[in-house]
Amino acid sequence: MGLVRTLLLQASKNRWMRERLPQFGFARRAVKRFMPGEDVDSALRAAQELQSERVAAFVTYLGENVRDVNQTRRIAQQYCDAMEKIKAAGIDCEISVKPTQVGHDISTELSYENIKTILRAASRLGNYVWIDMEESDYVDTTLELYRRLRKDYANVGICLQCYLRRTGDDLKALLPLKPGIRLVKGAYREPADRAFPRKKDADENFLALSALLIDAIHKGNARVGFATHDEKMLAKVVRLARDRAISDDSYEIQMLYGIRNAALHKLAGAGHRGRILISYGPAWYPWYMRRLAERPANILFVLRNVFG
């Protein structure tokens, strides 16, 4: 792991910085590259603009490790309210939620009940809910949470991180459920016995997992989103799919708001299905540090925006 990435991931956990940095105007200006605003209406306006360009969206309210029961329920209701607005606006926009945001640190039963509340609303409103994956300590309980929810709801998917060594086994265990899978690289600091320390190894695992997912698509056994900003990696995934005679619109290519979105617009124009994750909310600091850690070259862009 590179030194800059390590420092950024350490900073994402720093409580002093998390509490103070968002108070500064330069920090709030810098984060605008990655989120259109802190409120849900800003996120949905951005989603509407994307839809006019033939790109779909999904939104997530930032925050994690919430330990107040009433707050977790308010967050669940906020997602339900957001889906009401999505339905009224006629936007192709889904929801992504972190388990620890809705009480997973308090009890897995609380996060289950809160996400079930969100899923009931999503079913009524014709929406889809993605369960995000957090640090490796949460993987087992998050997968169990997903299995429980998947028994009763078809409109739920889960995120898997290719940099974790265990993910191949986790994916194979999930495939009989005909799951929704969002395959990402992973953005947390993990020990080498759990995660591949070299980017090359994580990339190779991304392709190996992509091959399994493409086979599942071919059999009609999974909804899949390949989430990466690496254009060379995407080209390899597209080639794997075409070699199996899978059409370009049989899966999604997913990216984060503000990162290489021109490449996604180009792919969408060529017939691929694209979806962009738009984040909103005041608790953006740890998420923002992880975004910078994913591609430290983004720091130069931030500095130009702040001081240019």
C-alpha atoms as a PDB file:
ATOM      1  CA  MET A   1       0.000   0.000   0.000  1.00  0.00           C
ATOM      2  CA  GLY A   2       1.443   3.385  -0.989  1.00  0.00           C
ATOM      3  CA  LEU A   3       2.460   5.852   1.694  1.00  0.00           C
ATOM      4  CA  VAL A   4       0.014   8.552   0.593  1.00  0.00           C
ATOM      5  CA  ARG A   5      -2.891   6.103   0.509  1.00  0.00           C
ATOM      6  CA  THR A   6      -1.947   4.797   3.968  1.00  0.00           C
ATOM      7  CA  LEU A   7      -1.850   8.321   5.403  1.00  0.00           C
ATOM      8  CA  LEU A   8      -5.218   9.205   3.875  1.00  0.00           C
ATOM      9  CA  LEU A   9      -6.854   6.062   5.259  1.00  0.00           C
ATOM     10  CA  GLN A  10      -5.373   6.797   8.695  1.00  0.00           C
ATOM     11  CA  ALA A  11      -6.724  10.348   8.436  1.00  0.00           C
ATOM     12  CA  SER A  12     -10.195   8.985   7.641  1.00  0.00           C
ATOM     13  CA  LYS A  13     -10.252   7.476  11.149  1.00  0.00           C
ATOM     14  CA  ASN A  14      -8.936  10.560  12.945  1.00  0.00           C
ATOM     15  CA  ARG A  15     -11.674  11.882  15.219  1.00  0.00           C
ATOM     16  CA  TRP A  16     -10.086  15.326  15.696  1.00  0.00           C
ATOM     17  CA  MET A  17      -9.897  15.906  11.938  1.00  0.00           C
ATOM     18  CA  ARG A  18     -13.381  14.486  11.373  1.00  0.00           C
ATOM     19  CA  GLU A  19     -14.857  16.994  13.792  1.00  0.00           C
ATOM     20  CA  ARG A  20     -12.881  20.066  12.713  1.00  0.00           C
ATOM     21  CA  LEU A  21     -11.994  19.858   9.027  1.00  0.00           C
ATOM     22  CA  PRO A  22     -15.616  20.119   7.747  1.00  0.00           C
ATOM     23  CA  GLN A  23     -15.882  23.492   9.524  1.00  0.00           C
ATOM     24  CA  PHE A  24     -13.434  25.109   7.097  1.00  0.00           C
ATOM     25  CA  GLY A  25     -14.657  26.663   3.876  1.00  0.00           C
ATOM     26  CA  PHE A  26     -11.735  25.351   1.804  1.00  0.00           C
ATOM     27  CA  ALA A  27     -12.595  21.771   2.811  1.00  0.00           C
ATOM     28  CA  ARG A  28     -16.263  22.229   1.887  1.00  0.00           C
ATOM     29  CA  ARG A  29     -15.239  23.673  -1.478  1.00  0.00           C
ATOM     30  CA  ALA A  30     -12.891  20.759  -2.116  1.00  0.00           C
ATOM     31  CA  VAL A  31     -15.523  18.086  -1.454  1.00  0.00           C
ATOM     32  CA  LYS A  32     -17.860  19.539  -4.084  1.00  0.00           C
ATOM     33  CA  ARG A  33     -16.003  17.590  -6.737  1.00  0.00           C
ATOM     34  CA  PHE A  34     -17.422  14.364  -5.310  1.00  0.00           C
ATOM     35  CA  MET A  35     -20.887  15.428  -4.138  1.00  0.00           C
ATOM     36  CA  PRO A  36     -23.298  18.008  -5.547  1.00  0.00           C
ATOM     37  CA  GLY A  37     -24.554  19.071  -2.114  1.00  0.00           C
ATOM     38  CA  GLU A  38     -25.301  17.956   1.429  1.00  0.00           C
ATOM     39  CA  ASP A  39     -29.091  17.664   1.049  1.00  0.00           C
ATOM     40  CA  VAL A  40     -31.124  15.031  -0.768  1.00  0.00           C
ATOM     41  CA  ASP A  41     -32.643  17.559  -3.172  1.00  0.00           C
ATOM     42  CA  SER A  42     -29.161  18.427  -4.481  1.00  0.00           C
ATOM     43  CA  ALA A  43     -28.446  14.720  -5.008  1.00  0.00           C
ATOM     44  CA  LEU A  44     -31.722  14.178  -6.854  1.00  0.00           C
ATOM     45  CA  ARG A  45     -31.206  17.221  -9.077  1.00  0.00           C
ATOM     46  CA  ALA A  46     -27.861  15.723 -10.076  1.00  0.00           C
ATOM     47  CA  ALA A  47     -29.582  12.365 -10.707  1.00  0.00           C
ATOM     48  CA  GLN A  48     -32.134  14.080 -12.929  1.00  0.00           C
ATOM     49  CA  GLU A  49     -29.379  15.734 -14.945  1.00  0.00           C
ATOM     50  CA  LEU A  50     -27.664  12.374 -15.399  1.00  0.00           C
ATOM     51  CA  GLN A  51     -30.884  10.781 -16.593  1.00  0.00           C
ATOM     52  CA  SER A  52     -31.170  13.391 -19.345  1.00  0.00           C
ATOM     53  CA  GLU A  53     -27.776  12.086 -20.494  1.00  0.00           C
ATOM     54  CA  ARG A  54     -28.938   8.408 -20.425  1.00  0.00           C
ATOM     55  CA  VAL A  55     -27.112   7.574 -17.186  1.00  0.00           C
ATOM     56  CA  ALA A  56     -28.972   6.287 -14.120  1.00  0.00           C
ATOM     57  CA  ALA A  57     -28.064   6.970 -10.489  1.00  0.00           C
ATOM     58  CA  PHE A  58     -28.224   5.698  -6.969  1.00  0.00           C
ATOM     59  CA  VAL A  59     -27.907   7.809  -3.843  1.00  0.00           C
ATOM     60  CA  THR A  60     -26.501   7.284  -0.371  1.00  0.00           C
ATOM     61  CA  TYR A  61     -26.838   9.390   2.736  1.00  0.00           C
ATOM     62  CA  LEU A  62     -23.376   9.675   4.267  1.00  0.00           C
ATOM     63  CA  GLY A  63     -22.742   8.446   7.778  1.00  0.00           C
ATOM     64  CA  GLU A  64     -21.560   5.292   9.523  1.00  0.00           C
ATOM     65  CA  ASN A  65     -21.218   3.714  12.984  1.00  0.00           C
ATOM     66  CA  VAL A  66     -24.385   5.390  14.266  1.00  0.00           C
ATOM     67  CA  ARG A  67     -25.030   4.311  17.861  1.00  0.00           C
ATOM     68  CA  ASP A  68     -28.263   6.140  18.660  1.00  0.00           C
ATOM     69  CA  VAL A  69     -31.345   3.972  18.099  1.00  0.00           C
ATOM     70  CA  ASN A  70     -33.679   6.852  17.309  1.00  0.00           C
ATOM     71  CA  GLN A  71     -31.193   8.337  14.874  1.00  0.00           C
ATOM     72  CA  THR A  72     -30.945   5.044  12.981  1.00  0.00           C
ATOM     73  CA  ARG A  73     -34.720   5.030  12.573  1.00  0.00           C
ATOM     74  CA  ARG A  74     -34.707   8.639  11.374  1.00  0.00           C
ATOM     75  CA  ILE A  75     -32.088   7.701   8.775  1.00  0.00           C
ATOM     76  CA  ALA A  76     -34.209   4.767   7.581  1.00  0.00           C
ATOM     77  CA  GLN A  77     -37.170   7.110   7.248  1.00  0.00           C
ATOM     78  CA  GLN A  78     -35.022   9.595   5.342  1.00  0.00           C
ATOM     79  CA  TYR A  79     -34.305   6.906   2.757  1.00  0.00           C
ATOM     80  CA  CYS A  80     -38.023   6.167   2.504  1.00  0.00           C
ATOM     81  CA  ASP A  81     -38.732   9.863   2.012  1.00  0.00           C
ATOM     82  CA  ALA A  82     -36.013  10.065  -0.657  1.00  0.00           C
ATOM     83  CA  MET A  83     -37.648   7.212  -2.570  1.00  0.00           C
ATOM     84  CA  GLU A  84     -40.987   9.037  -2.452  1.00  0.00           C
ATOM     85  CA  LYS A  85     -39.294  12.021  -4.098  1.00  0.00           C
ATOM     86  CA  ILE A  86     -37.628   9.755  -6.661  1.00  0.00           C
ATOM     87  CA  LYS A  87     -40.982   8.213  -7.549  1.00  0.00           C
ATOM     88  CA  ALA A  88     -42.659  11.615  -7.856  1.00  0.00           C
ATOM     89  CA  ALA A  89     -39.873  12.913 -10.106  1.00  0.00           C
ATOM     90  CA  GLY A  90     -39.799   9.786 -12.290  1.00  0.00           C
ATOM     91  CA  ILE A  91     -36.033   9.351 -11.911  1.00  0.00           C
ATOM     92  CA  ASP A  92     -34.157   6.068 -12.433  1.00  0.00           C
ATOM     93  CA  CYS A  93     -32.436   6.340  -9.070  1.00  0.00           C
ATOM     94  CA  GLU A  94     -31.849   3.627  -6.476  1.00  0.00           C
ATOM     95  CA  ILE A  95     -30.690   3.593  -2.835  1.00  0.00           C
ATOM     96  CA  SER A  96     -27.461   2.469  -1.172  1.00  0.00           C
ATOM     97  CA  VAL A  97     -27.251   2.074   2.620  1.00  0.00           C
ATOM     98  CA  LYS A  98     -24.493   1.127   5.046  1.00  0.00           C
ATOM     99  CA  PRO A  99     -25.536  -1.317   7.787  1.00  0.00           C
ATOM    100  CA  THR A 100     -23.652   0.598  10.521  1.00  0.00           C
ATOM    101  CA  GLN A 101     -25.576   3.714   9.523  1.00  0.00           C
ATOM    102  CA  VAL A 102     -28.836   2.048  10.542  1.00  0.00           C
ATOM    103  CA  GLY A 103     -27.738   0.399  13.773  1.00  0.00           C
ATOM    104  CA  HIS A 104     -25.495  -2.563  12.941  1.00  0.00           C
ATOM    105  CA  ASP A 105     -23.072  -1.599  15.732  1.00  0.00           C
ATOM    106  CA  ILE A 106     -25.955  -1.589  18.214  1.00  0.00           C
ATOM    107  CA  SER A 107     -27.403  -4.908  17.089  1.00  0.00           C
ATOM    108  CA  THR A 108     -27.747  -6.784  13.826  1.00  0.00           C
ATOM    109  CA  GLU A 109     -31.458  -7.116  14.562  1.00  0.00           C
ATOM    110  CA  LEU A 110     -31.830  -3.328  14.578  1.00  0.00           C
ATOM    111  CA  SER A 111     -30.069  -2.917  11.220  1.00  0.00           C
ATOM    112  CA  TYR A 112     -32.195  -5.765   9.828  1.00  0.00           C
ATOM    113  CA  GLU A 113     -35.437  -4.093  10.937  1.00  0.00           C
ATOM    114  CA  ASN A 114     -34.370  -0.683   9.619  1.00  0.00           C
ATOM    115  CA  ILE A 115     -33.325  -2.025   6.217  1.00  0.00           C
ATOM    116  CA  LYS A 116     -36.515  -4.085   6.077  1.00  0.00           C
ATOM    117  CA  THR A 117     -38.440  -0.825   6.577  1.00  0.00           C
ATOM    118  CA  ILE A 118     -36.526   0.687   3.652  1.00  0.00           C
ATOM    119  CA  LEU A 119     -37.158  -2.397   1.505  1.00  0.00           C
ATOM    120  CA  ARG A 120     -40.883  -2.390   2.197  1.00  0.00           C
ATOM    121  CA  ALA A 121     -41.043   1.203   0.973  1.00  0.00           C
ATOM    122  CA  ALA A 122     -38.838   0.331  -2.010  1.00  0.00           C
ATOM    123  CA  SER A 123     -41.152  -2.540  -2.976  1.00  0.00           C
ATOM    124  CA  ARG A 124     -44.174  -0.262  -2.829  1.00  0.00           C
ATOM    125  CA  LEU A 125     -42.437   2.460  -4.852  1.00  0.00           C
ATOM    126  CA  GLY A 126     -40.775   0.187  -7.414  1.00  0.00           C
ATOM    127  CA  ASN A 127     -37.239   0.910  -6.233  1.00  0.00           C
ATOM    128  CA  TYR A 128     -34.130  -1.155  -5.489  1.00  0.00           C
ATOM    129  CA  VAL A 129     -31.853  -1.100  -2.417  1.00  0.00           C
ATOM    130  CA  TRP A 130     -28.122  -1.829  -2.337  1.00  0.00           C
ATOM    131  CA  ILE A 131     -26.490  -2.870   0.953  1.00  0.00           C
ATOM    132  CA  ASP A 132     -22.992  -1.432   1.104  1.00  0.00           C
ATOM    133  CA  MET A 133     -20.027  -3.396   2.467  1.00  0.00           C
ATOM    134  CA  GLU A 134     -17.832  -1.843   5.132  1.00  0.00           C
ATOM    135  CA  GLU A 135     -14.626  -2.974   6.825  1.00  0.00           C
ATOM    136  CA  SER A 136     -13.733  -6.662   6.880  1.00  0.00           C
ATOM    137  CA  ASP A 137     -14.846  -7.102  10.496  1.00  0.00           C
ATOM    138  CA  TYR A 138     -18.421  -6.563   9.280  1.00  0.00           C
ATOM    139  CA  VAL A 139     -18.401  -8.921   6.299  1.00  0.00           C
ATOM    140  CA  ASP A 140     -19.843 -12.021   7.975  1.00  0.00           C
ATOM    141  CA  THR A 141     -22.699 -10.205   9.710  1.00  0.00           C
ATOM    142  CA  THR A 142     -23.456  -8.115   6.610  1.00  0.00           C
ATOM    143  CA  LEU A 143     -23.662 -11.219   4.426  1.00  0.00           C
ATOM    144  CA  GLU A 144     -25.974 -12.878   6.950  1.00  0.00           C
ATOM    145  CA  LEU A 145     -28.098  -9.724   6.986  1.00  0.00           C
ATOM    146  CA  TYR A 146     -28.332  -9.869   3.195  1.00  0.00           C
ATOM    147  CA  ARG A 147     -29.300 -13.556   3.178  1.00  0.00           C
ATOM    148  CA  ARG A 148     -32.131 -12.894   5.631  1.00  0.00           C
ATOM    149  CA  LEU A 149     -33.465  -9.976   3.603  1.00  0.00           C
ATOM    150  CA  ARG A 150     -33.081 -11.758   0.262  1.00  0.00           C
ATOM    151  CA  LYS A 151     -35.474 -14.494   1.418  1.00  0.00           C
ATOM    152  CA  ASP A 152     -38.338 -12.001   1.426  1.00  0.00           C
ATOM    153  CA  TYR A 153     -37.246  -9.301  -1.027  1.00  0.00           C
ATOM    154  CA  ALA A 154     -36.077  -9.557  -4.622  1.00  0.00           C
ATOM    155  CA  ASN A 155     -35.238  -5.842  -4.817  1.00  0.00           C
ATOM    156  CA  VAL A 156     -32.061  -5.965  -2.746  1.00  0.00           C
ATOM    157  CA  GLY A 157     -28.399  -6.266  -3.741  1.00  0.00           C
ATOM    158  CA  ILE A 158     -25.089  -6.288  -1.919  1.00  0.00           C
ATOM    159  CA  CYS A 159     -21.627  -4.847  -2.460  1.00  0.00           C
ATOM    160  CA  LEU A 160     -18.576  -7.157  -2.572  1.00  0.00           C
ATOM    161  CA  GLN A 161     -14.977  -5.927  -2.381  1.00  0.00           C
ATOM    162  CA  CYS A 162     -12.442  -7.580  -4.668  1.00  0.00           C
ATOM    163  CA  TYR A 163      -9.414  -6.615  -2.571  1.00  0.00           C
ATOM    164  CA  LEU A 164     -10.498  -8.991   0.181  1.00  0.00           C
ATOM    165  CA  ARG A 165      -9.003 -12.470  -0.186  1.00  0.00           C
ATOM    166  CA  ARG A 166     -12.251 -14.147   0.927  1.00  0.00           C
ATOM    167  CA  THR A 167     -14.540 -12.556  -1.666  1.00  0.00           C
ATOM    168  CA  GLY A 168     -14.333 -15.358  -4.220  1.00  0.00           C
ATOM    169  CA  ASP A 169     -15.736 -17.819  -1.688  1.00  0.00           C
ATOM    170  CA  ASP A 170     -18.348 -15.303  -0.544  1.00  0.00           C
ATOM    171  CA  LEU A 171     -19.526 -14.753  -4.113  1.00  0.00           C
ATOM    172  CA  LYS A 172     -19.828 -18.475  -4.839  1.00  0.00           C
ATOM    173  CA  ALA A 173     -21.880 -18.913  -1.658  1.00  0.00           C
ATOM    174  CA  LEU A 174     -24.249 -16.094  -2.670  1.00  0.00           C
ATOM    175  CA  LEU A 175     -24.876 -17.090  -6.288  1.00  0.00           C
ATOM    176  CA  PRO A 176     -27.572 -19.705  -5.491  1.00  0.00           C
ATOM    177  CA  LEU A 177     -29.680 -16.809  -4.130  1.00  0.00           C
ATOM    178  CA  LYS A 178     -29.752 -15.148  -7.586  1.00  0.00           C
ATOM    179  CA  PRO A 179     -28.385 -12.005  -5.951  1.00  0.00           C
ATOM    180  CA  GLY A 180     -27.752  -8.457  -6.968  1.00  0.00           C
ATOM    181  CA  ILE A 181     -23.994  -7.929  -6.798  1.00  0.00           C
ATOM    182  CA  ARG A 182     -22.097  -4.654  -6.969  1.00  0.00           C
ATOM    183  CA  LEU A 183     -18.409  -5.502  -7.419  1.00  0.00           C
ATOM    184  CA  VAL A 184     -16.003  -2.814  -6.178  1.00  0.00           C
ATOM    185  CA  LYS A 185     -12.282  -2.589  -5.445  1.00  0.00           C
ATOM    186  CA  GLY A 186     -12.551  -1.702  -1.720  1.00  0.00           C
ATOM    187  CA  ALA A 187     -11.531   1.465   0.115  1.00  0.00           C
ATOM    188  CA  TYR A 188     -10.686   0.568   3.720  1.00  0.00           C
ATOM    189  CA  ARG A 189      -7.347  -0.034   5.367  1.00  0.00           C
ATOM    190  CA  GLU A 190      -7.025  -3.790   5.871  1.00  0.00           C
ATOM    191  CA  PRO A 191      -4.200  -6.101   7.039  1.00  0.00           C
ATOM    192  CA  ALA A 192      -2.354  -8.095   4.383  1.00  0.00           C
ATOM    193  CA  ASP A 193      -3.760 -11.411   5.615  1.00  0.00           C
ATOM    194  CA  ARG A 194      -7.262 -10.172   4.752  1.00  0.00           C
ATOM    195  CA  ALA A 195      -6.711  -7.977   1.704  1.00  0.00           C
ATOM    196  CA  PHE A 196      -4.328  -7.983  -1.235  1.00  0.00           C
ATOM    197  CA  PRO A 197      -1.738  -5.302  -0.498  1.00  0.00           C
ATOM    198  CA  ARG A 198      -0.740  -4.904  -4.163  1.00  0.00           C
ATOM    199  CA  LYS A 199      -3.030  -3.211  -6.663  1.00  0.00           C
ATOM    200  CA  LYS A 200      -1.974  -5.767  -9.293  1.00  0.00           C
ATOM    201  CA  ASP A 201      -3.328  -8.659  -7.207  1.00  0.00           C
ATOM    202  CA  ALA A 202      -6.592  -6.855  -6.430  1.00  0.00           C
ATOM    203  CA  ASP A 203      -7.038  -6.125 -10.140  1.00  0.00           C
ATOM    204  CA  GLU A 204      -6.488  -9.766 -11.032  1.00  0.00           C
ATOM    205  CA  ASN A 205      -9.094 -10.768  -8.462  1.00  0.00           C
ATOM    206  CA  PHE A 206     -11.528  -8.205  -9.874  1.00  0.00           C
ATOM    207  CA  LEU A 207     -11.248  -9.904 -13.261  1.00  0.00           C
ATOM    208  CA  ALA A 208     -11.556 -13.397 -11.782  1.00  0.00           C
ATOM    209  CA  LEU A 209     -14.692 -12.380  -9.900  1.00  0.00           C
ATOM    210  CA  SER A 210     -16.004 -10.620 -13.005  1.00  0.00           C
ATOM    211  CA  ALA A 211     -15.698 -13.880 -14.933  1.00  0.00           C
ATOM    212  CA  LEU A 212     -17.834 -15.646 -12.284  1.00  0.00           C
ATOM    213  CA  LEU A 213     -20.411 -12.868 -12.445  1.00  0.00           C
ATOM    214  CA  ILE A 214     -20.510 -12.903 -16.241  1.00  0.00           C
ATOM    215  CA  ASP A 215     -21.228 -16.627 -16.084  1.00  0.00           C
ATOM    216  CA  ALA A 216     -24.069 -15.882 -13.631  1.00  0.00           C
ATOM    217  CA  ILE A 217     -25.455 -13.215 -15.986  1.00  0.00           C
ATOM    218  CA  HIS A 218     -25.300 -15.727 -18.843  1.00  0.00           C
ATOM    219  CA  LYS A 219     -27.405 -18.144 -16.764  1.00  0.00           C
ATOM    220  CA  GLY A 220     -29.823 -15.402 -15.682  1.00  0.00           C
ATOM    221  CA  ASN A 221     -28.805 -15.852 -12.054  1.00  0.00           C
ATOM    222  CA  ALA A 222     -27.651 -12.373 -11.010  1.00  0.00           C
ATOM    223  CA  ARG A 223     -28.065  -8.665 -11.450  1.00  0.00           C
ATOM    224  CA  VAL A 224     -24.541  -7.217 -11.671  1.00  0.00           C
ATOM    225  CA  GLY A 225     -22.858  -3.838 -11.448  1.00  0.00           C
ATOM    226  CA  PHE A 226     -19.141  -3.610 -12.224  1.00  0.00           C
ATOM    227  CA  ALA A 227     -17.931  -0.603 -10.221  1.00  0.00           C
ATOM    228  CA  THR A 228     -14.550   0.741 -11.257  1.00  0.00           C
ATOM    229  CA  HIS A 229     -13.040   3.864 -12.805  1.00  0.00           C
ATOM    230  CA  ASP A 230     -10.213   1.895 -14.423  1.00  0.00           C
ATOM    231  CA  GLU A 231     -10.930   2.093 -18.158  1.00  0.00           C
ATOM    232  CA  LYS A 232      -8.479  -0.698 -18.994  1.00  0.00           C
ATOM    233  CA  MET A 233     -10.193  -2.946 -16.460  1.00  0.00           C
ATOM    234  CA  LEU A 234     -13.592  -2.066 -17.889  1.00  0.00           C
ATOM    235  CA  ALA A 235     -12.412  -2.911 -21.390  1.00  0.00           C
ATOM    236  CA  LYS A 236     -11.366  -6.362 -20.175  1.00  0.00           C
ATOM    237  CA  VAL A 237     -14.727  -6.916 -18.478  1.00  0.00           C
ATOM    238  CA  VAL A 238     -16.590  -5.876 -21.629  1.00  0.00           C
ATOM    239  CA  ARG A 239     -14.459  -8.276 -23.671  1.00  0.00           C
ATOM    240  CA  LEU A 240     -15.170 -11.137 -21.237  1.00  0.00           C
ATOM    241  CA  ALA A 241     -18.894 -10.455 -21.536  1.00  0.00           C
ATOM    242  CA  ARG A 242     -18.866 -10.254 -25.319  1.00  0.00           C
ATOM    243  CA  ASP A 243     -16.908 -13.510 -25.506  1.00  0.00           C
ATOM    244  CA  ARG A 244     -19.898 -15.118 -23.751  1.00  0.00           C
ATOM    245  CA  ALA A 245     -22.291 -13.391 -26.187  1.00  0.00           C
ATOM    246  CA  ILE A 246     -23.659 -11.215 -23.379  1.00  0.00           C
ATOM    247  CA  SER A 247     -25.086  -7.931 -24.625  1.00  0.00           C
ATOM    248  CA  ASP A 248     -23.702  -4.617 -23.391  1.00  0.00           C
ATOM    249  CA  ASP A 249     -26.990  -3.739 -21.695  1.00  0.00           C
ATOM    250  CA  SER A 250     -27.160  -6.970 -19.638  1.00  0.00           C
ATOM    251  CA  TYR A 251     -25.147  -5.501 -16.761  1.00  0.00           C
ATOM    252  CA  GLU A 252     -24.282  -2.094 -15.339  1.00  0.00           C
ATOM    253  CA  ILE A 253     -21.050  -0.130 -15.247  1.00  0.00           C
ATOM    254  CA  GLN A 254     -21.047   1.910 -12.057  1.00  0.00           C
ATOM    255  CA  MET A 255     -18.927   4.857 -11.005  1.00  0.00           C
ATOM    256  CA  LEU A 256     -18.831   7.542  -8.325  1.00  0.00           C
ATOM    257  CA  TYR A 257     -20.076  11.044  -8.938  1.00  0.00           C
ATOM    258  CA  GLY A 258     -17.282  13.329 -10.096  1.00  0.00           C
ATOM    259  CA  ILE A 259     -14.693  10.671 -11.013  1.00  0.00           C
ATOM    260  CA  ARG A 260     -14.051   9.951 -14.706  1.00  0.00           C
ATOM    261  CA  ASN A 261     -17.735  10.303 -15.495  1.00  0.00           C
ATOM    262  CA  ALA A 262     -16.953  11.318 -19.089  1.00  0.00           C
ATOM    263  CA  ALA A 263     -15.803   7.732 -19.680  1.00  0.00           C
ATOM    264  CA  LEU A 264     -19.119   6.403 -18.364  1.00  0.00           C
ATOM    265  CA  HIS A 265     -21.117   8.810 -20.519  1.00  0.00           C
ATOM    266  CA  LYS A 266     -19.170   7.568 -23.535  1.00  0.00           C
ATOM    267  CA  LEU A 267     -19.952   3.944 -22.686  1.00  0.00           C
ATOM    268  CA  ALA A 268     -23.619   4.780 -22.113  1.00  0.00           C
ATOM    269  CA  GLY A 269     -23.716   6.458 -25.501  1.00  0.00           C
ATOM    270  CA  ALA A 270     -22.374   3.239 -27.031  1.00  0.00           C
ATOM    271  CA  GLY A 271     -25.179   1.134 -25.527  1.00  0.00           C
ATOM    272  CA  HIS A 272     -23.936   0.182 -22.045  1.00  0.00           C
ATOM    273  CA  ARG A 273     -26.027   0.692 -18.934  1.00  0.00           C
ATOM    274  CA  GLY A 274     -24.378   3.199 -16.622  1.00  0.00           C
ATOM    275  CA  ARG A 275     -25.181   4.169 -13.042  1.00  0.00           C
ATOM    276  CA  ILE A 276     -23.466   6.804 -10.886  1.00  0.00           C
ATOM    277  CA  LEU A 277     -23.420   6.779  -7.076  1.00  0.00           C
ATOM    278  CA  ILE A 278     -24.241  10.213  -5.671  1.00  0.00           C
ATOM    279  CA  SER A 279     -23.503  10.844  -2.004  1.00  0.00           C
ATOM    280  CA  TYR A 280     -25.020  13.536   0.182  1.00  0.00           C
ATOM    281  CA  GLY A 281     -25.175  14.540   3.841  1.00  0.00           C
ATOM    282  CA  PRO A 282     -23.030  16.453   6.346  1.00  0.00           C
ATOM    283  CA  ALA A 283     -21.053  13.417   7.597  1.00  0.00           C
ATOM    284  CA  TRP A 284     -18.777  13.375   4.561  1.00  0.00           C
ATOM    285  CA  TYR A 285     -15.293  13.501   6.100  1.00  0.00           C
ATOM    286  CA  PRO A 286     -14.309   9.759   6.384  1.00  0.00           C
ATOM    287  CA  TRP A 287     -15.947   8.978   3.042  1.00  0.00           C
ATOM    288  CA  TYR A 288     -14.061  11.866   1.401  1.00  0.00           C
ATOM    289  CA  MET A 289     -10.692  10.711   2.749  1.00  0.00           C
ATOM    290  CA  ARG A 290     -11.328   7.228   1.357  1.00  0.00           C
ATOM    291  CA  ARG A 291     -12.206   8.715  -2.047  1.00  0.00           C
ATOM    292  CA  LEU A 292      -8.854  10.515  -2.099  1.00  0.00           C
ATOM    293  CA  ALA A 293      -7.079   7.341  -0.967  1.00  0.00           C
ATOM    294  CA  GLU A 294      -8.552   5.372  -3.874  1.00  0.00           C
ATOM    295  CA  ARG A 295      -6.723   7.680  -6.277  1.00  0.00           C
ATOM    296  CA  PRO A 296      -4.247  10.025  -4.546  1.00  0.00           C
ATOM    297  CA  ALA A 297      -3.806  11.951  -7.819  1.00  0.00           C
ATOM    298  CA  ASN A 298      -7.171  13.512  -6.943  1.00  0.00           C
ATOM    299  CA  ILE A 299      -5.321  15.567  -4.314  1.00  0.00           C
ATOM    300  CA  LEU A 300      -3.796  17.695  -7.087  1.00  0.00           C
ATOM    301  CA  PHE A 301      -7.240  18.352  -8.501  1.00  0.00           C
ATOM    302  CA  VAL A 302      -8.467  19.401  -5.053  1.00  0.00           C
ATOM    303  CA  LEU A 303      -5.523  21.765  -4.534  1.00  0.00           C
ATOM    304  CA  ARG A 304      -6.142  23.418  -7.892  1.00  0.00           C
ATOM    305  CA  ASN A 305      -9.793  23.955  -6.969  1.00  0.00           C
ATOM    306  CA  VAL A 306      -8.973  25.359  -3.539  1.00  0.00           C
ATOM    307  CA  PHE A 307      -6.061  27.619  -4.426  1.00  0.00           C
ATOM    308  CA  GLY A 308      -6.515  28.111  -8.183  1.00  0.00           C
END
